[in-house]
Each structure stands twice: as structure tokens, then as C-alpha cells.
Amino acid sequence: MANLEDLINKYRNAEEKIRMAAIETLEETGVKIVANAKLNTPVKTGNLRRSIHCTDVNINDNTYTMDITTEGRGVEQYASKIENGFTGSKGGHYVGKHMIGNAVDSEMNNFAATFKNKVGEYFNDQNRWYIIKCM
């Protein structure tokens, strides 16, 4: 049984450790989303597939964000049409492939469990973190 001093030392930098767990979880999830999206992206020239990437984690007022995007890669308009669908010049409707949206949905199902495990790794206490709410 740990004494009070042991517990204080174990959780001394809890806020920083949880912050790092959040960043690492977002980065790992972002890599998985990009890989999943690329696998499901239709290929004509390969430019669209190569353009999918994730941004660095941004922290603003305890809100952690990361974008999965094609921004800055010269395929933004084309990417949006393939992702979301579009109506052609002759009126035909083309259904979106939702390769990024589907990849986000798929990988975010695992986000809370990954974060919980990451926090557990930091504290060497994987079974004690039950009250973690990811938004």
C-alpha cells in the first residue's frame, strides 16, 4: 500500500502528463485517420491521395484540435467535390466518397479508449482511470 508521499509524487505532474497523453492520442489518431482516408480515396493521378494530411495539434483554452485536410496542397476544390459529392454541369449528381469523414468516424470510436490507456501508461495505473470524458 502506498503512503501519502508516494501518491503525491506519483501524481505530482498530473496535469502535464494528461496534456501529453491528449497530444499523443490526437497525433496517433490523426496518423490512423490519414492512412484510412488514403486507402479509401479514389485514384486518378494520386494527387488527392497524397494531399491528405493532419496538422499539428493546436491547444487553445484547454481545447485540443487537429485538422485532417488537403489544404495547401492544390487540390482543395477537387477534394471537396470527391469528399462531399457534387452536381455536374449537365445536372448529373455525383455521390461523395466521404473518405475523410468515414475515416474520422471510424477512428474516433477508439479515441476514448486510446486516451484512457495513454493516461494509464503515464501513471503506470491503467485500470484506475474510469472517469475520463472525451468531447
C-alpha atoms as a PDB file:
ATOM      1  CA  MET A   1       0.000   0.000   0.000  1.00  0.00           C
ATOM      2  CA  ALA A   2       1.386   3.381  -0.985  1.00  0.00           C
ATOM      3  CA  ASN A   3       1.722   6.086   1.608  1.00  0.00           C
ATOM      4  CA  LEU A   4       0.625   9.678   1.066  1.00  0.00           C
ATOM      5  CA  GLU A   5       4.078  10.854  -0.038  1.00  0.00           C
ATOM      6  CA  ASP A   6       4.229   8.104  -2.693  1.00  0.00           C
ATOM      7  CA  LEU A   7       0.831   9.167  -4.033  1.00  0.00           C
ATOM      8  CA  ILE A   8       1.816  12.837  -4.093  1.00  0.00           C
ATOM      9  CA  ASN A   9       4.989  12.014  -6.011  1.00  0.00           C
ATOM     10  CA  LYS A  10       3.132   9.760  -8.441  1.00  0.00           C
ATOM     11  CA  TYR A  11       0.606  12.457  -9.359  1.00  0.00           C
ATOM     12  CA  ARG A  12       2.887  15.489  -8.965  1.00  0.00           C
ATOM     13  CA  ASN A  13       2.804  16.441 -12.644  1.00  0.00           C
ATOM     14  CA  ALA A  14      -0.637  15.022 -13.399  1.00  0.00           C
ATOM     15  CA  GLU A  15      -1.828  17.989 -15.464  1.00  0.00           C
ATOM     16  CA  GLU A  16       1.245  17.894 -17.714  1.00  0.00           C
ATOM     17  CA  LYS A  17       1.034  14.125 -18.085  1.00  0.00           C
ATOM     18  CA  ILE A  18      -2.632  14.294 -19.076  1.00  0.00           C
ATOM     19  CA  ARG A  19      -1.840  17.107 -21.539  1.00  0.00           C
ATOM     20  CA  MET A  20       0.873  14.964 -23.129  1.00  0.00           C
ATOM     21  CA  ALA A  21      -1.470  11.966 -23.251  1.00  0.00           C
ATOM     22  CA  ALA A  22      -4.056  14.087 -25.092  1.00  0.00           C
ATOM     23  CA  ILE A  23      -1.496  15.362 -27.605  1.00  0.00           C
ATOM     24  CA  GLU A  24      -0.043  11.904 -28.248  1.00  0.00           C
ATOM     25  CA  THR A  25      -3.504  10.378 -28.604  1.00  0.00           C
ATOM     26  CA  LEU A  26      -4.528  13.038 -31.121  1.00  0.00           C
ATOM     27  CA  GLU A  27      -1.305  12.588 -33.097  1.00  0.00           C
ATOM     28  CA  GLU A  28      -1.637   8.788 -33.180  1.00  0.00           C
ATOM     29  CA  THR A  29      -5.313   9.016 -34.110  1.00  0.00           C
ATOM     30  CA  GLY A  30      -4.516  11.568 -36.828  1.00  0.00           C
ATOM     31  CA  VAL A  31      -1.983   9.217 -38.418  1.00  0.00           C
ATOM     32  CA  LYS A  32      -4.567   6.406 -38.423  1.00  0.00           C
ATOM     33  CA  ILE A  33      -7.255   8.660 -39.904  1.00  0.00           C
ATOM     34  CA  VAL A  34      -4.935   9.809 -42.698  1.00  0.00           C
ATOM     35  CA  ALA A  35      -3.943   6.228 -43.512  1.00  0.00           C
ATOM     36  CA  ASN A  36      -7.572   5.072 -43.512  1.00  0.00           C
ATOM     37  CA  ALA A  37      -8.687   8.023 -45.672  1.00  0.00           C
ATOM     38  CA  LYS A  38      -5.896   7.438 -48.183  1.00  0.00           C
ATOM     39  CA  LEU A  39      -6.852   3.767 -48.519  1.00  0.00           C
ATOM     40  CA  ASN A  40     -10.393   4.789 -49.459  1.00  0.00           C
ATOM     41  CA  THR A  41      -9.552   7.708 -51.741  1.00  0.00           C
ATOM     42  CA  PRO A  42     -10.208   7.115 -55.437  1.00  0.00           C
ATOM     43  CA  VAL A  43      -7.095   7.480 -57.547  1.00  0.00           C
ATOM     44  CA  LYS A  44      -6.842   9.119 -60.916  1.00  0.00           C
ATOM     45  CA  THR A  45      -3.477  10.876 -60.670  1.00  0.00           C
ATOM     46  CA  GLY A  46      -2.719  10.196 -56.990  1.00  0.00           C
ATOM     47  CA  ASN A  47      -2.594  13.914 -56.150  1.00  0.00           C
ATOM     48  CA  LEU A  48      -5.698  13.765 -53.968  1.00  0.00           C
ATOM     49  CA  ARG A  49      -4.491  10.733 -52.047  1.00  0.00           C
ATOM     50  CA  ARG A  50      -1.055  12.279 -51.474  1.00  0.00           C
ATOM     51  CA  SER A  51      -2.596  15.574 -50.336  1.00  0.00           C
ATOM     52  CA  ILE A  52      -4.415  14.169 -47.286  1.00  0.00           C
ATOM     53  CA  HIS A  53      -2.545  15.034 -44.102  1.00  0.00           C
ATOM     54  CA  CYS A  54      -3.064  16.073 -40.497  1.00  0.00           C
ATOM     55  CA  THR A  55      -1.971  19.333 -38.958  1.00  0.00           C
ATOM     56  CA  ASP A  56      -0.073  19.742 -35.719  1.00  0.00           C
ATOM     57  CA  VAL A  57      -2.101  19.687 -32.516  1.00  0.00           C
ATOM     58  CA  ASN A  58      -3.342  23.144 -31.579  1.00  0.00           C
ATOM     59  CA  ILE A  59      -4.164  23.975 -27.944  1.00  0.00           C
ATOM     60  CA  ASN A  60      -6.420  26.926 -27.192  1.00  0.00           C
ATOM     61  CA  ASP A  61      -8.116  27.370 -23.798  1.00  0.00           C
ATOM     62  CA  ASN A  62      -7.792  23.671 -22.929  1.00  0.00           C
ATOM     63  CA  THR A  63      -9.315  22.700 -26.285  1.00  0.00           C
ATOM     64  CA  TYR A  64      -7.105  20.388 -28.333  1.00  0.00           C
ATOM     65  CA  THR A  65      -7.648  20.314 -32.084  1.00  0.00           C
ATOM     66  CA  MET A  66      -6.070  18.782 -35.146  1.00  0.00           C
ATOM     67  CA  ASP A  67      -7.299  19.029 -38.721  1.00  0.00           C
ATOM     68  CA  ILE A  68      -7.369  16.272 -41.304  1.00  0.00           C
ATOM     69  CA  THR A  69      -7.166  18.220 -44.525  1.00  0.00           C
ATOM     70  CA  THR A  70      -5.925  18.627 -48.076  1.00  0.00           C
ATOM     71  CA  GLU A  71      -5.407  22.357 -47.516  1.00  0.00           C
ATOM     72  CA  GLY A  72      -2.322  23.894 -49.037  1.00  0.00           C
ATOM     73  CA  ARG A  73      -1.783  21.030 -51.444  1.00  0.00           C
ATOM     74  CA  GLY A  74      -3.515  22.489 -54.516  1.00  0.00           C
ATOM     75  CA  VAL A  75      -6.431  20.056 -54.659  1.00  0.00           C
ATOM     76  CA  GLU A  76      -8.906  21.727 -52.271  1.00  0.00           C
ATOM     77  CA  GLN A  77     -11.806  22.224 -54.720  1.00  0.00           C
ATOM     78  CA  TYR A  78     -11.390  18.779 -56.245  1.00  0.00           C
ATOM     79  CA  ALA A  79     -11.046  17.191 -52.795  1.00  0.00           C
ATOM     80  CA  SER A  80     -14.256  18.800 -51.558  1.00  0.00           C
ATOM     81  CA  LYS A  81     -16.176  17.511 -54.574  1.00  0.00           C
ATOM     82  CA  ILE A  82     -14.906  13.951 -54.159  1.00  0.00           C
ATOM     83  CA  GLU A  83     -15.497  14.013 -50.387  1.00  0.00           C
ATOM     84  CA  ASN A  84     -18.970  15.581 -50.409  1.00  0.00           C
ATOM     85  CA  GLY A  85     -20.329  14.948 -53.896  1.00  0.00           C
ATOM     86  CA  PHE A  86     -21.392  17.493 -56.472  1.00  0.00           C
ATOM     87  CA  THR A  87     -23.787  18.270 -59.268  1.00  0.00           C
ATOM     88  CA  GLY A  88     -22.187  18.221 -62.683  1.00  0.00           C
ATOM     89  CA  SER A  89     -22.533  20.923 -65.311  1.00  0.00           C
ATOM     90  CA  LYS A  90     -25.200  18.854 -67.105  1.00  0.00           C
ATOM     91  CA  GLY A  91     -27.208  18.277 -63.931  1.00  0.00           C
ATOM     92  CA  GLY A  92     -25.986  14.807 -63.003  1.00  0.00           C
ATOM     93  CA  HIS A  93     -25.359  14.268 -59.302  1.00  0.00           C
ATOM     94  CA  TYR A  94     -22.192  12.539 -58.151  1.00  0.00           C
ATOM     95  CA  VAL A  95     -22.298  10.969 -54.709  1.00  0.00           C
ATOM     96  CA  GLY A  96     -19.465  11.857 -52.345  1.00  0.00           C
ATOM     97  CA  LYS A  97     -16.979   9.188 -51.287  1.00  0.00           C
ATOM     98  CA  HIS A  98     -16.670  10.599 -47.728  1.00  0.00           C
ATOM     99  CA  MET A  99     -13.198   9.081 -47.435  1.00  0.00           C
ATOM    100  CA  ILE A 100     -12.080  11.572 -44.785  1.00  0.00           C
ATOM    101  CA  GLY A 101     -15.409  11.742 -42.948  1.00  0.00           C
ATOM    102  CA  ASN A 102     -15.694   7.966 -42.773  1.00  0.00           C
ATOM    103  CA  ALA A 103     -12.088   7.631 -41.585  1.00  0.00           C
ATOM    104  CA  VAL A 104     -12.699  10.194 -38.833  1.00  0.00           C
ATOM    105  CA  ASP A 105     -15.881   8.403 -37.732  1.00  0.00           C
ATOM    106  CA  SER A 106     -14.120   5.046 -37.707  1.00  0.00           C
ATOM    107  CA  GLU A 107     -11.041   6.092 -35.767  1.00  0.00           C
ATOM    108  CA  MET A 108     -12.826   8.368 -33.286  1.00  0.00           C
ATOM    109  CA  ASN A 109     -14.694   5.316 -31.996  1.00  0.00           C
ATOM    110  CA  ASN A 110     -11.360   4.245 -30.486  1.00  0.00           C
ATOM    111  CA  PHE A 111     -10.231   7.663 -29.262  1.00  0.00           C
ATOM    112  CA  ALA A 112     -11.536   7.474 -25.673  1.00  0.00           C
ATOM    113  CA  ALA A 113     -10.056   4.016 -25.081  1.00  0.00           C
ATOM    114  CA  THR A 114      -6.705   5.066 -26.560  1.00  0.00           C
ATOM    115  CA  PHE A 115      -6.634   8.188 -24.385  1.00  0.00           C
ATOM    116  CA  LYS A 116      -7.544   6.217 -21.273  1.00  0.00           C
ATOM    117  CA  ASN A 117      -4.753   3.718 -21.962  1.00  0.00           C
ATOM    118  CA  LYS A 118      -2.261   6.513 -22.645  1.00  0.00           C
ATOM    119  CA  VAL A 119      -3.114   8.209 -19.340  1.00  0.00           C
ATOM    120  CA  GLY A 120      -2.783   4.852 -17.621  1.00  0.00           C
ATOM    121  CA  GLU A 121       0.667   4.388 -19.153  1.00  0.00           C
ATOM    122  CA  TYR A 122       1.805   7.746 -17.786  1.00  0.00           C
ATOM    123  CA  PHE A 123       0.726   6.835 -14.295  1.00  0.00           C
ATOM    124  CA  ASN A 124       1.537   3.118 -14.597  1.00  0.00           C
ATOM    125  CA  ASP A 125      -2.015   2.577 -13.440  1.00  0.00           C
ATOM    126  CA  GLN A 126      -4.118   1.542 -16.436  1.00  0.00           C
ATOM    127  CA  ASN A 127      -7.167   0.292 -14.574  1.00  0.00           C
ATOM    128  CA  ARG A 128      -7.827   3.274 -12.326  1.00  0.00           C
ATOM    129  CA  TRP A 129      -8.838   5.927 -14.867  1.00  0.00           C
ATOM    130  CA  TYR A 130     -12.556   5.376 -15.275  1.00  0.00           C
ATOM    131  CA  ILE A 131     -13.822   8.936 -15.283  1.00  0.00           C
ATOM    132  CA  ILE A 132     -12.447  10.374 -18.489  1.00  0.00           C
ATOM    133  CA  LYS A 133     -14.834  12.122 -20.794  1.00  0.00           C
ATOM    134  CA  CYS A 134     -13.659  12.905 -24.313  1.00  0.00           C
ATOM    135  CA  MET A 135     -15.543  15.524 -26.249  1.00  0.00           C
END
